[in-house]
Protein backbone atom coordinates (compact mmCIF):
# COMPACT_ATOMS: atom_id res chain seq x y z
CA ASN A 1 -43.32 -48.03 -185.23
CA ALA A 2 -42.17 -50.98 -187.37
CA ASP A 3 -42.01 -53.44 -184.45
CA ALA A 4 -45.60 -52.74 -183.43
CA HIS A 5 -46.68 -53.27 -187.05
CA LYS A 6 -44.81 -56.60 -187.20
CA VAL A 7 -46.46 -57.79 -183.98
CA LYS A 8 -49.91 -56.74 -185.23
CA PHE A 9 -49.31 -58.53 -188.56
CA ALA A 10 -48.04 -61.69 -186.81
CA GLU A 11 -51.11 -61.74 -184.55
CA ARG A 12 -53.46 -61.31 -187.52
CA GLU A 13 -51.74 -64.16 -189.40
CA PHE A 14 -51.82 -66.37 -186.29
CA TYR A 15 -55.59 -65.93 -185.89
CA ALA A 16 -56.17 -66.47 -189.64
CA LEU A 17 -54.15 -69.70 -189.47
CA LYS A 18 -56.04 -70.79 -186.35
CA LYS A 19 -59.34 -70.17 -188.17
CA ARG A 20 -58.18 -72.16 -191.25
CA CYS A 21 -56.97 -75.07 -189.14
CA SER A 22 -60.15 -75.22 -187.07
CA GLY A 23 -62.21 -75.83 -190.23
CA GLN A 24 -64.09 -72.54 -189.93
CA GLU A 25 -63.00 -71.32 -193.34
CA GLY A 26 -64.38 -72.41 -196.69
CA ASN A 27 -63.95 -75.95 -197.93
CA SER A 28 -60.91 -76.97 -195.87
CA LEU A 29 -61.22 -80.40 -194.23
CA LYS A 30 -57.75 -80.54 -192.62
CA CYS A 31 -54.94 -78.04 -192.36
CA PHE A 32 -51.24 -78.54 -191.70
CA CYS A 33 -48.75 -75.75 -191.08
CA LEU A 34 -45.17 -76.71 -191.87
CA VAL A 35 -42.56 -74.61 -190.09
CA ALA A 36 -38.84 -74.57 -190.88
CA VAL A 37 -36.56 -73.45 -188.04
CA LYS A 38 -32.88 -72.61 -187.72
CA LYS A 39 -30.58 -75.25 -186.39
CA GLU A 40 -29.88 -74.48 -182.75
CA ASP A 41 -26.52 -72.94 -181.96
CA LYS A 42 -25.54 -73.63 -178.34
CA ASN A 43 -23.98 -70.16 -178.00
CA ILE A 44 -27.00 -68.22 -179.26
CA ARG A 45 -30.29 -68.08 -177.45
CA ARG A 46 -33.30 -67.36 -179.69
CA THR A 47 -36.98 -66.96 -179.16
CA VAL A 48 -39.23 -69.32 -181.10
CA LEU A 49 -40.30 -66.54 -183.49
CA LYS A 50 -36.69 -65.61 -184.26
CA SER A 51 -35.89 -69.28 -185.00
CA ILE A 52 -38.51 -69.59 -187.77
CA VAL A 53 -37.07 -69.30 -191.29
CA GLY A 54 -40.00 -70.59 -193.35
CA THR A 55 -43.65 -71.63 -193.29
CA LEU A 56 -46.08 -73.37 -195.63
CA ASP A 57 -49.78 -74.14 -195.20
CA LEU A 58 -51.15 -77.39 -196.61
CA SER A 59 -54.88 -77.96 -196.57
CA ILE A 60 -56.97 -80.92 -197.61
CA ARG A 61 -59.98 -79.48 -199.38
CA GLN A 62 -63.13 -80.64 -201.07
CA TYR A 63 -64.27 -79.46 -204.47
CA PHE A 64 -67.36 -77.29 -204.43
CA SER A 65 -70.26 -78.48 -206.58
CA GLY A 66 -69.39 -77.88 -210.24
CA GLU A 67 -65.71 -77.18 -209.56
CA THR A 68 -63.28 -79.00 -211.86
CA TYR A 69 -60.12 -77.32 -210.56
CA PRO A 70 -59.73 -75.29 -207.35
CA GLY A 71 -61.53 -72.01 -207.91
CA GLU A 72 -62.88 -72.90 -211.37
CA ILE A 73 -66.55 -73.80 -211.65
CA LYS A 74 -67.77 -75.25 -214.92
CA ARG A 75 -71.36 -75.99 -215.72
CA SER A 76 -72.05 -79.64 -216.40
CA THR A 77 -73.72 -80.47 -219.70
CA ALA A 78 -74.98 -83.80 -218.40
CA LEU A 79 -78.20 -83.82 -216.44
CA PHE A 80 -77.26 -86.97 -214.57
CA ALA A 81 -73.64 -87.72 -213.87
CA ALA A 82 -72.32 -90.83 -212.19
CA PRO A 83 -71.36 -89.94 -208.61
CA LYS A 84 -67.65 -90.07 -207.81
CA PRO A 85 -66.34 -91.71 -204.66
CA PHE A 86 -66.04 -89.19 -201.80
CA ASP A 87 -62.21 -89.20 -201.91
CA ALA A 88 -62.30 -88.23 -205.60
CA HIS A 89 -63.76 -84.88 -204.49
CA LYS A 90 -60.78 -84.03 -202.26
CA TYR A 91 -57.41 -82.50 -203.09
CA ALA A 92 -54.37 -81.00 -201.37
CA TYR A 93 -53.69 -77.27 -201.63
CA ILE A 94 -50.53 -75.33 -200.77
CA SER A 95 -50.71 -71.71 -199.65
CA ASN A 96 -48.69 -69.11 -197.78
CA VAL A 97 -45.22 -70.32 -198.73
CA VAL A 98 -42.85 -67.90 -197.00
CA VAL A 99 -39.08 -68.00 -196.41
CA SER A 100 -37.19 -65.25 -194.58
CA LYS A 101 -35.18 -63.06 -196.96
CA TYR A 102 -31.83 -64.00 -195.42
CA ALA A 103 -32.62 -67.73 -195.68
CA ARG A 104 -33.74 -67.86 -199.31
CA ARG A 105 -32.05 -69.94 -202.03
CA GLN A 106 -30.93 -72.56 -199.49
CA GLY A 107 -33.50 -75.26 -200.34
CA ILE A 108 -35.92 -74.46 -197.49
CA ALA A 109 -38.98 -73.86 -199.69
CA THR A 110 -38.11 -76.88 -201.86
CA ASN A 111 -37.90 -79.11 -198.77
CA MET A 112 -41.20 -77.78 -197.40
CA ILE A 113 -42.96 -78.37 -200.75
CA HIS A 114 -41.62 -81.93 -200.97
CA LEU A 115 -42.70 -82.57 -197.37
CA ALA A 116 -46.16 -81.14 -198.15
CA ALA A 117 -46.44 -83.49 -201.15
CA ASP A 118 -45.45 -86.44 -198.91
CA VAL A 119 -48.03 -85.45 -196.26
CA ALA A 120 -50.72 -85.03 -198.94
CA SER A 121 -49.92 -88.41 -200.46
CA PHE A 122 -49.88 -90.04 -197.02
CA THR A 123 -53.37 -88.65 -196.33
CA GLY A 124 -54.62 -90.30 -199.54
CA MET A 125 -54.66 -87.30 -201.88
CA LYS A 126 -54.02 -87.83 -205.59
CA MET A 127 -53.62 -84.15 -206.61
CA LEU A 128 -51.74 -81.19 -205.14
CA PHE A 129 -52.51 -77.63 -206.28
CA VAL A 130 -51.12 -74.15 -205.71
CA HIS A 131 -52.03 -70.74 -207.13
CA VAL A 132 -49.16 -68.43 -208.06
CA ASN A 133 -49.18 -64.83 -209.26
CA ALA A 134 -48.55 -64.53 -213.00
CA ASP A 135 -45.75 -62.02 -212.41
CA ASN A 136 -43.99 -64.10 -209.72
CA THR A 137 -41.50 -65.98 -211.89
CA PRO A 138 -39.23 -67.00 -208.97
CA ALA A 139 -42.17 -68.83 -207.33
CA GLN A 140 -43.18 -70.38 -210.67
CA ASP A 141 -39.60 -71.60 -211.18
CA LEU A 142 -39.55 -73.05 -207.64
CA TYR A 143 -42.82 -74.93 -208.16
CA ARG A 144 -41.68 -76.22 -211.57
CA LYS A 145 -38.40 -77.41 -210.02
CA CYS A 146 -40.47 -79.30 -207.42
CA GLY A 147 -42.48 -81.06 -210.15
CA LEU A 148 -45.60 -78.93 -210.44
CA LYS A 149 -47.02 -78.08 -213.86
CA PHE A 150 -49.33 -75.34 -215.08
CA SER A 151 -52.98 -76.30 -215.19
CA PHE A 152 -54.63 -76.90 -218.54
CA SER A 153 -56.86 -73.95 -217.76
CA ALA A 154 -54.03 -71.42 -217.53
CA SER A 155 -54.52 -68.70 -220.11
CA PRO A 156 -51.71 -68.37 -222.68
CA GLN A 157 -51.32 -64.60 -222.13
CA PRO A 158 -52.05 -63.94 -218.44
CA SER A 159 -51.99 -60.39 -217.10
CA LYS A 160 -49.63 -59.62 -214.22
CA ASP A 161 -52.60 -59.57 -211.82
CA ASP A 162 -53.78 -63.09 -212.75
CA LYS A 163 -53.25 -66.07 -210.51
CA LEU A 164 -52.10 -69.22 -212.30
CA LEU A 165 -52.99 -72.68 -211.10
CA MET A 166 -50.22 -75.26 -210.87
CA TYR A 167 -50.65 -78.92 -209.97
CA MET A 168 -48.83 -82.15 -209.26
CA GLU A 169 -50.16 -85.69 -209.44
CA LEU A 170 -49.18 -87.59 -206.32
């Protein structure tokens, strides 16, 4: 049954989001979930779930030791490096950008990304990152349109299974 599968998937995503936002997962320090909803029509009564047209997760993370970009650890050649201020080790990271099929190409994702950048900047972050699949050109175009660029570390000939790192200075 498709409805039972949808409910099971929604529950699994809810508990995964709850775990991320409680700080129980990885290097996340704070987590924000942005939710875009339909404008209320007085004549139509909707449940909360049916009103949602888009979501985006924004987390404030801390680099792991040796990490120069999210997910990329490089060995330091210096034995003793000058310590960076604590805030220099933090960055904003976008994940789980989703817009309902019927609501796409209406600026919802663009607005959520711009809001995420504003929230990240307001919390003191200087960099915003997102990973995108190498074969997902619509998402790459969206992120580029919002001002993100490909990381210096992106390989020139990525395979379709690669994830590319994009960033924006805030």
